[in-house]
């Protein structure tokens, strides 16, 4: 009967350059691997920097896209404005540099507007309706129907009588007199300075109506845009004139008045 031989343990092979981790302290381990950890920290910092740069780049691209969209909207608005006032005028090559479209839209609703002249008849009664932003609305009627009185009441200029009714702006009750900075009113009678030129008239209105922090260059561009829209460039240095001094024609005077409200 054979007796199994005892199994001897496997021989231990010593590898040069390796140390026993159990006998190694943390300080020694850090000293030996410090360069590796520093390299990992540098790589992590580089990755965070790249991520931060990419995020800032995306924000800048979004701001640039919004600015480009606003500029395109301003150009489209200027072109639409030209086509409304002067349908036959061609201005495809003109670049508007001063006038910009307002980002906010305004809807005006009115209900049961009435006007009673003191000591006289009731001119308006129960007038209701709504004006939508971005649309051209026309008020039509025979002479004496109350078209001008209605506009005076709506704009808060009918100080010669008792006004009643409600006006809402963007579905909120308001007073049109609070929007004088963004609303233009062209009266039937032309109101101009007879001794000033066409450009001086519009330039004065632009400086008076716009923010005083606006640069002179921007104001000059606004004046140029209005002169182009109203086809007044060829007479911009002409005196407007009046009854005692002949100047521009009646139609040109009316266009100057419209330009004063657009400035």
C-alpha atoms as a PDB file:
ATOM      1  CA  UNK A   1       0.000   0.000   0.000  1.00  0.00           C
ATOM      2  CA  UNK A   2       1.431   3.280  -1.147  1.00  0.00           C
ATOM      3  CA  UNK A   3       1.509   6.272   1.166  1.00  0.00           C
ATOM      4  CA  UNK A   4       0.820   9.635  -0.533  1.00  0.00           C
ATOM      5  CA  UNK A   5       3.703  11.956  -0.464  1.00  0.00           C
ATOM      6  CA  UNK A   6       3.332  15.202   1.483  1.00  0.00           C
ATOM      7  CA  UNK A   7       2.655  18.234  -0.682  1.00  0.00           C
ATOM      8  CA  UNK A   8       5.330  20.809  -0.194  1.00  0.00           C
ATOM      9  CA  UNK A   9       4.385  24.524  -0.335  1.00  0.00           C
ATOM     10  CA  UNK A  10       4.991  26.408  -3.572  1.00  0.00           C
ATOM     11  CA  UNK A  11       8.240  28.285  -3.610  1.00  0.00           C
ATOM     12  CA  UNK A  12       8.029  32.059  -3.090  1.00  0.00           C
ATOM     13  CA  UNK A  13       9.393  34.088  -5.952  1.00  0.00           C
ATOM     14  CA  UNK A  14      10.864  37.409  -4.947  1.00  0.00           C
ATOM     15  CA  UNK A  15      10.171  40.296  -7.410  1.00  0.00           C
ATOM     16  CA  UNK A  16      12.757  43.011  -7.309  1.00  0.00           C
ATOM     17  CA  UNK A  17      11.455  46.566  -6.921  1.00  0.00           C
ATOM     18  CA  UNK A  18       8.239  45.701  -5.000  1.00  0.00           C
ATOM     19  CA  UNK A  19       7.756  46.347  -1.321  1.00  0.00           C
ATOM     20  CA  UNK A  20       5.464  44.814   1.187  1.00  0.00           C
ATOM     21  CA  UNK A  21       2.325  47.041   1.308  1.00  0.00           C
ATOM     22  CA  UNK A  22       1.540  45.928   4.828  1.00  0.00           C
ATOM     23  CA  UNK A  23       4.787  47.335   6.009  1.00  0.00           C
ATOM     24  CA  UNK A  24       4.428  50.555   3.984  1.00  0.00           C
ATOM     25  CA  UNK A  25       3.051  53.680   5.668  1.00  0.00           C
ATOM     26  CA  UNK A  26       0.639  56.188   4.055  1.00  0.00           C
ATOM     27  CA  UNK A  27       3.332  58.811   3.950  1.00  0.00           C
ATOM     28  CA  UNK A  28       5.628  56.562   1.985  1.00  0.00           C
ATOM     29  CA  UNK A  29       2.769  55.555  -0.334  1.00  0.00           C
ATOM     30  CA  UNK A  30       1.888  59.222  -1.027  1.00  0.00           C
ATOM     31  CA  UNK A  31       5.520  60.129  -1.683  1.00  0.00           C
ATOM     32  CA  UNK A  32       5.799  57.369  -4.213  1.00  0.00           C
ATOM     33  CA  UNK A  33       2.477  58.165  -6.034  1.00  0.00           C
ATOM     34  CA  UNK A  34       2.221  61.941  -5.608  1.00  0.00           C
ATOM     35  CA  UNK A  35       3.026  62.620  -9.245  1.00  0.00           C
ATOM     36  CA  UNK A  36       0.181  60.327 -10.352  1.00  0.00           C
ATOM     37  CA  UNK A  37      -2.399  62.125  -8.177  1.00  0.00           C
ATOM     38  CA  UNK A  38      -1.176  65.530  -9.328  1.00  0.00           C
ATOM     39  CA  UNK A  39      -1.555  64.399 -12.939  1.00  0.00           C
ATOM     40  CA  UNK A  40      -5.129  63.239 -12.240  1.00  0.00           C
ATOM     41  CA  UNK A  41      -5.968  66.592 -10.629  1.00  0.00           C
ATOM     42  CA  UNK A  42      -4.570  68.477 -13.632  1.00  0.00           C
ATOM     43  CA  UNK A  43      -6.632  66.345 -16.033  1.00  0.00           C
ATOM     44  CA  UNK A  44      -9.800  66.901 -13.967  1.00  0.00           C
ATOM     45  CA  UNK A  45      -9.163  70.686 -13.898  1.00  0.00           C
ATOM     46  CA  UNK A  46      -8.691  70.692 -17.676  1.00  0.00           C
ATOM     47  CA  UNK A  47     -11.957  68.826 -18.183  1.00  0.00           C
ATOM     48  CA  UNK A  48     -13.848  71.251 -15.938  1.00  0.00           C
ATOM     49  CA  UNK A  49     -12.337  74.202 -17.770  1.00  0.00           C
ATOM     50  CA  UNK A  50     -13.393  72.765 -21.124  1.00  0.00           C
ATOM     51  CA  UNK A  51     -16.932  72.141 -19.841  1.00  0.00           C
ATOM     52  CA  UNK A  52     -17.143  75.713 -18.486  1.00  0.00           C
ATOM     53  CA  UNK A  53     -15.841  77.176 -21.766  1.00  0.00           C
ATOM     54  CA  UNK A  54     -18.360  75.143 -23.768  1.00  0.00           C
ATOM     55  CA  UNK A  55     -21.232  76.355 -21.569  1.00  0.00           C
ATOM     56  CA  UNK A  56     -20.162  80.004 -21.915  1.00  0.00           C
ATOM     57  CA  UNK A  57     -19.780  79.544 -25.655  1.00  0.00           C
ATOM     58  CA  UNK A  58     -23.327  78.205 -25.908  1.00  0.00           C
ATOM     59  CA  UNK A  59     -24.642  81.190 -23.932  1.00  0.00           C
ATOM     60  CA  UNK A  60     -22.816  83.604 -26.198  1.00  0.00           C
ATOM     61  CA  UNK A  61     -24.181  81.855 -29.270  1.00  0.00           C
ATOM     62  CA  UNK A  62     -27.738  82.076 -27.872  1.00  0.00           C
ATOM     63  CA  UNK A  63     -27.346  85.791 -27.140  1.00  0.00           C
ATOM     64  CA  UNK A  64     -25.997  86.353 -30.645  1.00  0.00           C
ATOM     65  CA  UNK A  65     -28.924  84.439 -32.140  1.00  0.00           C
ATOM     66  CA  UNK A  66     -31.420  86.530 -30.162  1.00  0.00           C
ATOM     67  CA  UNK A  67     -29.730  89.761 -31.231  1.00  0.00           C
ATOM     68  CA  UNK A  68     -29.781  88.642 -34.858  1.00  0.00           C
ATOM     69  CA  UNK A  69     -33.469  87.775 -34.575  1.00  0.00           C
ATOM     70  CA  UNK A  70     -34.295  91.192 -33.107  1.00  0.00           C
ATOM     71  CA  UNK A  71     -32.396  92.911 -35.912  1.00  0.00           C
ATOM     72  CA  UNK A  72     -34.261  90.908 -38.536  1.00  0.00           C
ATOM     73  CA  UNK A  73     -37.585  91.727 -36.866  1.00  0.00           C
ATOM     74  CA  UNK A  74     -36.688  95.424 -36.908  1.00  0.00           C
ATOM     75  CA  UNK A  75     -35.908  95.304 -40.609  1.00  0.00           C
ATOM     76  CA  UNK A  76     -39.126  93.425 -41.368  1.00  0.00           C
ATOM     77  CA  UNK A  77     -41.128  95.934 -39.317  1.00  0.00           C
ATOM     78  CA  UNK A  78     -39.541  98.866 -41.170  1.00  0.00           C
ATOM     79  CA  UNK A  79     -40.317  97.298 -44.525  1.00  0.00           C
ATOM     80  CA  UNK A  80     -43.936  96.668 -43.502  1.00  0.00           C
ATOM     81  CA  UNK A  81     -44.203 100.266 -42.294  1.00  0.00           C
ATOM     82  CA  UNK A  82     -42.991 101.541 -45.649  1.00  0.00           C
ATOM     83  CA  UNK A  83     -45.467  99.383 -47.555  1.00  0.00           C
ATOM     84  CA  UNK A  84     -48.354 100.633 -45.384  1.00  0.00           C
ATOM     85  CA  UNK A  85     -47.678 104.324 -45.943  1.00  0.00           C
ATOM     86  CA  UNK A  86     -46.160 104.282 -49.430  1.00  0.00           C
ATOM     87  CA  UNK A  87     -47.168 101.072 -51.247  1.00  0.00           C
ATOM     88  CA  UNK A  88     -45.561 102.152 -54.527  1.00  0.00           C
ATOM     89  CA  UNK A  89     -42.200 103.018 -52.988  1.00  0.00           C
ATOM     90  CA  UNK A  90     -39.325 100.565 -53.494  1.00  0.00           C
ATOM     91  CA  UNK A  91     -36.820 100.436 -50.669  1.00  0.00           C
ATOM     92  CA  UNK A  92     -35.414  96.922 -50.847  1.00  0.00           C
ATOM     93  CA  UNK A  93     -31.851  98.188 -50.799  1.00  0.00           C
ATOM     94  CA  UNK A  94     -32.306 100.613 -47.920  1.00  0.00           C
ATOM     95  CA  UNK A  95     -30.848  99.513 -44.583  1.00  0.00           C
ATOM     96  CA  UNK A  96     -32.733 100.800 -41.547  1.00  0.00           C
ATOM     97  CA  UNK A  97     -30.232 101.725 -38.841  1.00  0.00           C
ATOM     98  CA  UNK A  98     -32.171 103.778 -36.301  1.00  0.00           C
ATOM     99  CA  UNK A  99     -35.755 102.562 -36.004  1.00  0.00           C
ATOM    100  CA  UNK A 100     -36.224  99.316 -34.097  1.00  0.00           C
ATOM    101  CA  UNK A 101     -39.348  97.278 -33.506  1.00  0.00           C
ATOM    102  CA  UNK A 102     -40.741  97.302 -29.995  1.00  0.00           C
ATOM    103  CA  UNK A 103     -40.521  93.844 -28.486  1.00  0.00           C
ATOM    104  CA  UNK A 104     -43.843  94.290 -26.651  1.00  0.00           C
ATOM    105  CA  UNK A 105     -47.192  94.304 -28.449  1.00  0.00           C
ATOM    106  CA  UNK A 106     -50.238  96.307 -27.389  1.00  0.00           C
ATOM    107  CA  UNK A 107     -53.893  95.381 -27.875  1.00  0.00           C
ATOM    108  CA  UNK A 108     -56.397  98.160 -27.142  1.00  0.00           C
ATOM    109  CA  UNK A 109     -60.005  97.364 -26.243  1.00  0.00           C
ATOM    110  CA  UNK A 110     -62.730  99.895 -25.476  1.00  0.00           C
ATOM    111  CA  UNK A 111     -66.282  99.484 -24.226  1.00  0.00           C
ATOM    112  CA  UNK A 112     -69.252 101.880 -24.055  1.00  0.00           C
ATOM    113  CA  UNK A 113     -67.208 104.994 -24.849  1.00  0.00           C
ATOM    114  CA  UNK A 114     -69.269 108.156 -24.719  1.00  0.00           C
ATOM    115  CA  UNK A 115     -68.659 111.876 -25.042  1.00  0.00           C
ATOM    116  CA  UNK A 116     -71.069 114.557 -23.934  1.00  0.00           C
ATOM    117  CA  UNK A 117     -70.184 118.157 -24.699  1.00  0.00           C
ATOM    118  CA  UNK A 118     -70.939 120.579 -21.899  1.00  0.00           C
ATOM    119  CA  UNK A 119     -74.035 122.520 -22.803  1.00  0.00           C
ATOM    120  CA  UNK A 120     -74.373 120.588 -26.050  1.00  0.00           C
ATOM    121  CA  UNK A 121     -75.448 117.244 -27.517  1.00  0.00           C
ATOM    122  CA  UNK A 122     -74.006 113.809 -26.823  1.00  0.00           C
ATOM    123  CA  UNK A 123     -71.459 113.227 -29.575  1.00  0.00           C
ATOM    124  CA  UNK A 124     -70.607 109.573 -28.836  1.00  0.00           C
ATOM    125  CA  UNK A 125     -72.596 106.832 -27.131  1.00  0.00           C
ATOM    126  CA  UNK A 126     -71.936 103.130 -26.595  1.00  0.00           C
ATOM    127  CA  UNK A 127     -68.881 102.765 -28.834  1.00  0.00           C
ATOM    128  CA  UNK A 128     -67.126  99.395 -28.296  1.00  0.00           C
ATOM    129  CA  UNK A 129     -64.410  97.530 -30.157  1.00  0.00           C
ATOM    130  CA  UNK A 130     -60.807  96.360 -30.139  1.00  0.00           C
ATOM    131  CA  UNK A 131     -57.589  97.225 -31.973  1.00  0.00           C
ATOM    132  CA  UNK A 132     -55.130  94.333 -32.339  1.00  0.00           C
ATOM    133  CA  UNK A 133     -51.389  94.836 -32.486  1.00  0.00           C
ATOM    134  CA  UNK A 134     -49.735  94.379 -35.866  1.00  0.00           C
ATOM    135  CA  UNK A 135     -52.890  95.301 -37.799  1.00  0.00           C
ATOM    136  CA  UNK A 136     -53.854  98.433 -39.668  1.00  0.00           C
ATOM    137  CA  UNK A 137     -57.353  99.528 -38.642  1.00  0.00           C
ATOM    138  CA  UNK A 138     -59.453 102.149 -40.409  1.00  0.00           C
ATOM    139  CA  UNK A 139     -62.271 104.230 -38.893  1.00  0.00           C
ATOM    140  CA  UNK A 140     -64.720 105.106 -41.633  1.00  0.00           C
ATOM    141  CA  UNK A 141     -67.887 107.147 -41.728  1.00  0.00           C
ATOM    142  CA  UNK A 142     -69.513 110.218 -43.266  1.00  0.00           C
ATOM    143  CA  UNK A 143     -68.666 113.764 -42.262  1.00  0.00           C
ATOM    144  CA  UNK A 144     -69.890 114.567 -38.768  1.00  0.00           C
ATOM    145  CA  UNK A 145     -70.188 110.903 -37.731  1.00  0.00           C
ATOM    146  CA  UNK A 146     -67.794 111.418 -34.823  1.00  0.00           C
ATOM    147  CA  UNK A 147     -64.575 109.847 -36.135  1.00  0.00           C
ATOM    148  CA  UNK A 148     -62.321 112.596 -34.810  1.00  0.00           C
ATOM    149  CA  UNK A 149     -64.239 112.790 -31.536  1.00  0.00           C
ATOM    150  CA  UNK A 150     -63.830 109.049 -31.084  1.00  0.00           C
ATOM    151  CA  UNK A 151     -60.052 109.275 -31.598  1.00  0.00           C
ATOM    152  CA  UNK A 152     -59.858 112.219 -29.197  1.00  0.00           C
ATOM    153  CA  UNK A 153     -61.736 110.251 -26.545  1.00  0.00           C
ATOM    154  CA  UNK A 154     -59.636 107.141 -27.095  1.00  0.00           C
ATOM    155  CA  UNK A 155     -56.375 109.095 -26.770  1.00  0.00           C
ATOM    156  CA  UNK A 156     -57.547 111.205 -23.840  1.00  0.00           C
ATOM    157  CA  UNK A 157     -57.521 114.461 -25.782  1.00  0.00           C
ATOM    158  CA  UNK A 158     -61.242 115.286 -25.565  1.00  0.00           C
ATOM    159  CA  UNK A 159     -60.919 117.806 -22.749  1.00  0.00           C
ATOM    160  CA  UNK A 160     -63.894 119.777 -24.039  1.00  0.00           C
ATOM    161  CA  UNK A 161     -66.521 117.326 -22.752  1.00  0.00           C
ATOM    162  CA  UNK A 162     -67.451 114.604 -20.288  1.00  0.00           C
ATOM    163  CA  UNK A 163     -65.954 111.203 -21.131  1.00  0.00           C
ATOM    164  CA  UNK A 164     -67.290 107.856 -19.963  1.00  0.00           C
ATOM    165  CA  UNK A 165     -66.551 104.217 -20.731  1.00  0.00           C
ATOM    166  CA  UNK A 166     -63.688 101.813 -20.168  1.00  0.00           C
ATOM    167  CA  UNK A 167     -60.388 101.289 -22.000  1.00  0.00           C
ATOM    168  CA  UNK A 168     -58.246  98.162 -21.563  1.00  0.00           C
ATOM    169  CA  UNK A 169     -54.670  97.659 -22.740  1.00  0.00           C
ATOM    170  CA  UNK A 170     -53.647  94.005 -23.009  1.00  0.00           C
ATOM    171  CA  UNK A 171     -56.813  93.090 -21.080  1.00  0.00           C
ATOM    172  CA  UNK A 172     -55.965  95.453 -18.217  1.00  0.00           C
ATOM    173  CA  UNK A 173     -57.885  98.576 -17.418  1.00  0.00           C
ATOM    174  CA  UNK A 174     -55.721 101.597 -18.228  1.00  0.00           C
ATOM    175  CA  UNK A 175     -55.642 105.153 -19.484  1.00  0.00           C
ATOM    176  CA  UNK A 176     -54.270 105.960 -22.921  1.00  0.00           C
ATOM    177  CA  UNK A 177     -52.660 109.082 -21.529  1.00  0.00           C
ATOM    178  CA  UNK A 178     -50.226 106.826 -19.688  1.00  0.00           C
ATOM    179  CA  UNK A 179     -48.902 105.575 -23.059  1.00  0.00           C
ATOM    180  CA  UNK A 180     -47.973 108.883 -24.623  1.00  0.00           C
ATOM    181  CA  UNK A 181     -44.356 107.768 -24.941  1.00  0.00           C
ATOM    182  CA  UNK A 182     -45.244 104.863 -27.245  1.00  0.00           C
ATOM    183  CA  UNK A 183     -48.399 106.131 -28.988  1.00  0.00           C
ATOM    184  CA  UNK A 184     -48.469 108.673 -31.789  1.00  0.00           C
ATOM    185  CA  UNK A 185     -51.416 110.915 -32.645  1.00  0.00           C
ATOM    186  CA  UNK A 186     -51.511 112.757 -35.978  1.00  0.00           C
ATOM    187  CA  UNK A 187     -54.138 115.537 -35.838  1.00  0.00           C
ATOM    188  CA  UNK A 188     -56.227 116.677 -38.778  1.00  0.00           C
ATOM    189  CA  UNK A 189     -54.628 120.108 -38.756  1.00  0.00           C
ATOM    190  CA  UNK A 190     -50.912 120.118 -39.506  1.00  0.00           C
ATOM    191  CA  UNK A 191     -48.854 121.351 -36.549  1.00  0.00           C
ATOM    192  CA  UNK A 192     -45.362 122.313 -37.715  1.00  0.00           C
ATOM    193  CA  UNK A 193     -42.788 125.063 -37.256  1.00  0.00           C
ATOM    194  CA  UNK A 194     -43.071 127.125 -40.407  1.00  0.00           C
ATOM    195  CA  UNK A 195     -39.516 128.526 -40.223  1.00  0.00           C
ATOM    196  CA  UNK A 196     -37.740 125.164 -39.871  1.00  0.00           C
ATOM    197  CA  UNK A 197     -36.677 122.779 -42.587  1.00  0.00           C
ATOM    198  CA  UNK A 198     -38.180 119.314 -42.952  1.00  0.00           C
ATOM    199  CA  UNK A 199     -35.119 117.647 -41.430  1.00  0.00           C
ATOM    200  CA  UNK A 200     -34.985 120.121 -38.540  1.00  0.00           C
ATOM    201  CA  UNK A 201     -38.634 119.376 -37.734  1.00  0.00           C
ATOM    202  CA  UNK A 202     -38.100 115.613 -37.511  1.00  0.00           C
ATOM    203  CA  UNK A 203     -34.748 115.956 -35.765  1.00  0.00           C
ATOM    204  CA  UNK A 204     -36.316 118.143 -33.068  1.00  0.00           C
ATOM    205  CA  UNK A 205     -39.132 115.617 -32.535  1.00  0.00           C
ATOM    206  CA  UNK A 206     -36.674 112.695 -32.376  1.00  0.00           C
ATOM    207  CA  UNK A 207     -34.549 114.422 -29.752  1.00  0.00           C
ATOM    208  CA  UNK A 208     -37.613 115.389 -27.731  1.00  0.00           C
ATOM    209  CA  UNK A 209     -39.415 112.030 -27.779  1.00  0.00           C
ATOM    210  CA  UNK A 210     -36.577 109.519 -27.426  1.00  0.00           C
ATOM    211  CA  UNK A 211     -34.485 108.707 -24.399  1.00  0.00           C
ATOM    212  CA  UNK A 212     -31.929 111.424 -23.760  1.00  0.00           C
ATOM    213  CA  UNK A 213     -29.308 108.713 -23.229  1.00  0.00           C
ATOM    214  CA  UNK A 214     -29.629 107.844 -26.923  1.00  0.00           C
ATOM    215  CA  UNK A 215     -26.453 108.639 -28.819  1.00  0.00           C
ATOM    216  CA  UNK A 216     -26.496 111.477 -31.408  1.00  0.00           C
ATOM    217  CA  UNK A 217     -25.570 108.938 -34.074  1.00  0.00           C
ATOM    218  CA  UNK A 218     -28.632 106.802 -33.289  1.00  0.00           C
ATOM    219  CA  UNK A 219     -30.895 109.886 -33.364  1.00  0.00           C
ATOM    220  CA  UNK A 220     -29.443 110.860 -36.731  1.00  0.00           C
ATOM    221  CA  UNK A 221     -30.141 107.360 -38.056  1.00  0.00           C
ATOM    222  CA  UNK A 222     -33.748 107.570 -36.839  1.00  0.00           C
ATOM    223  CA  UNK A 223     -34.199 110.850 -38.703  1.00  0.00           C
ATOM    224  CA  UNK A 224     -32.693 109.320 -41.854  1.00  0.00           C
ATOM    225  CA  UNK A 225     -35.041 106.327 -41.613  1.00  0.00           C
ATOM    226  CA  UNK A 226     -38.127 108.524 -41.296  1.00  0.00           C
ATOM    227  CA  UNK A 227     -37.091 110.749 -44.189  1.00  0.00           C
ATOM    228  CA  UNK A 228     -36.688 107.624 -46.316  1.00  0.00           C
ATOM    229  CA  UNK A 229     -40.002 106.080 -45.210  1.00  0.00           C
ATOM    230  CA  UNK A 230     -42.011 109.223 -45.904  1.00  0.00           C
ATOM    231  CA  UNK A 231     -40.176 110.030 -49.157  1.00  0.00           C
ATOM    232  CA  UNK A 232     -38.941 113.373 -47.860  1.00  0.00           C
ATOM    233  CA  UNK A 233     -35.234 113.013 -48.526  1.00  0.00           C
ATOM    234  CA  UNK A 234     -35.262 115.257 -51.595  1.00  0.00           C
ATOM    235  CA  UNK A 235     -36.894 118.138 -49.645  1.00  0.00           C
ATOM    236  CA  UNK A 236     -35.237 117.625 -46.255  1.00  0.00           C
ATOM    237  CA  UNK A 237     -33.459 121.000 -46.522  1.00  0.00           C
ATOM    238  CA  UNK A 238     -36.577 122.896 -47.662  1.00  0.00           C
ATOM    239  CA  UNK A 239     -38.449 125.286 -45.377  1.00  0.00           C
ATOM    240  CA  UNK A 240     -41.862 123.934 -44.408  1.00  0.00           C
ATOM    241  CA  UNK A 241     -43.489 127.345 -44.755  1.00  0.00           C
ATOM    242  CA  UNK A 242     -47.038 128.422 -44.100  1.00  0.00           C
ATOM    243  CA  UNK A 243     -49.672 130.946 -45.117  1.00  0.00           C
ATOM    244  CA  UNK A 244     -47.330 133.949 -45.262  1.00  0.00           C
ATOM    245  CA  UNK A 245     -44.333 132.038 -46.618  1.00  0.00           C
ATOM    246  CA  UNK A 246     -44.691 129.452 -49.341  1.00  0.00           C
ATOM    247  CA  UNK A 247     -42.938 126.187 -48.635  1.00  0.00           C
ATOM    248  CA  UNK A 248     -43.602 122.527 -49.304  1.00  0.00           C
ATOM    249  CA  UNK A 249     -46.911 121.183 -50.613  1.00  0.00           C
ATOM    250  CA  UNK A 250     -49.900 120.172 -48.493  1.00  0.00           C
ATOM    251  CA  UNK A 251     -49.306 116.454 -48.984  1.00  0.00           C
ATOM    252  CA  UNK A 252     -45.687 116.843 -47.990  1.00  0.00           C
ATOM    253  CA  UNK A 253     -46.715 118.768 -44.864  1.00  0.00           C
ATOM    254  CA  UNK A 254     -49.005 115.899 -43.880  1.00  0.00           C
ATOM    255  CA  UNK A 255     -46.153 113.422 -44.325  1.00  0.00           C
ATOM    256  CA  UNK A 256     -43.956 115.626 -42.149  1.00  0.00           C
ATOM    257  CA  UNK A 257     -46.627 115.463 -39.430  1.00  0.00           C
ATOM    258  CA  UNK A 258     -46.712 111.682 -39.642  1.00  0.00           C
ATOM    259  CA  UNK A 259     -42.922 111.624 -39.445  1.00  0.00           C
ATOM    260  CA  UNK A 260     -43.015 113.753 -36.295  1.00  0.00           C
ATOM    261  CA  UNK A 261     -45.075 111.035 -34.572  1.00  0.00           C
ATOM    262  CA  UNK A 262     -42.850 108.238 -35.845  1.00  0.00           C
ATOM    263  CA  UNK A 263     -39.664 109.863 -34.554  1.00  0.00           C
END
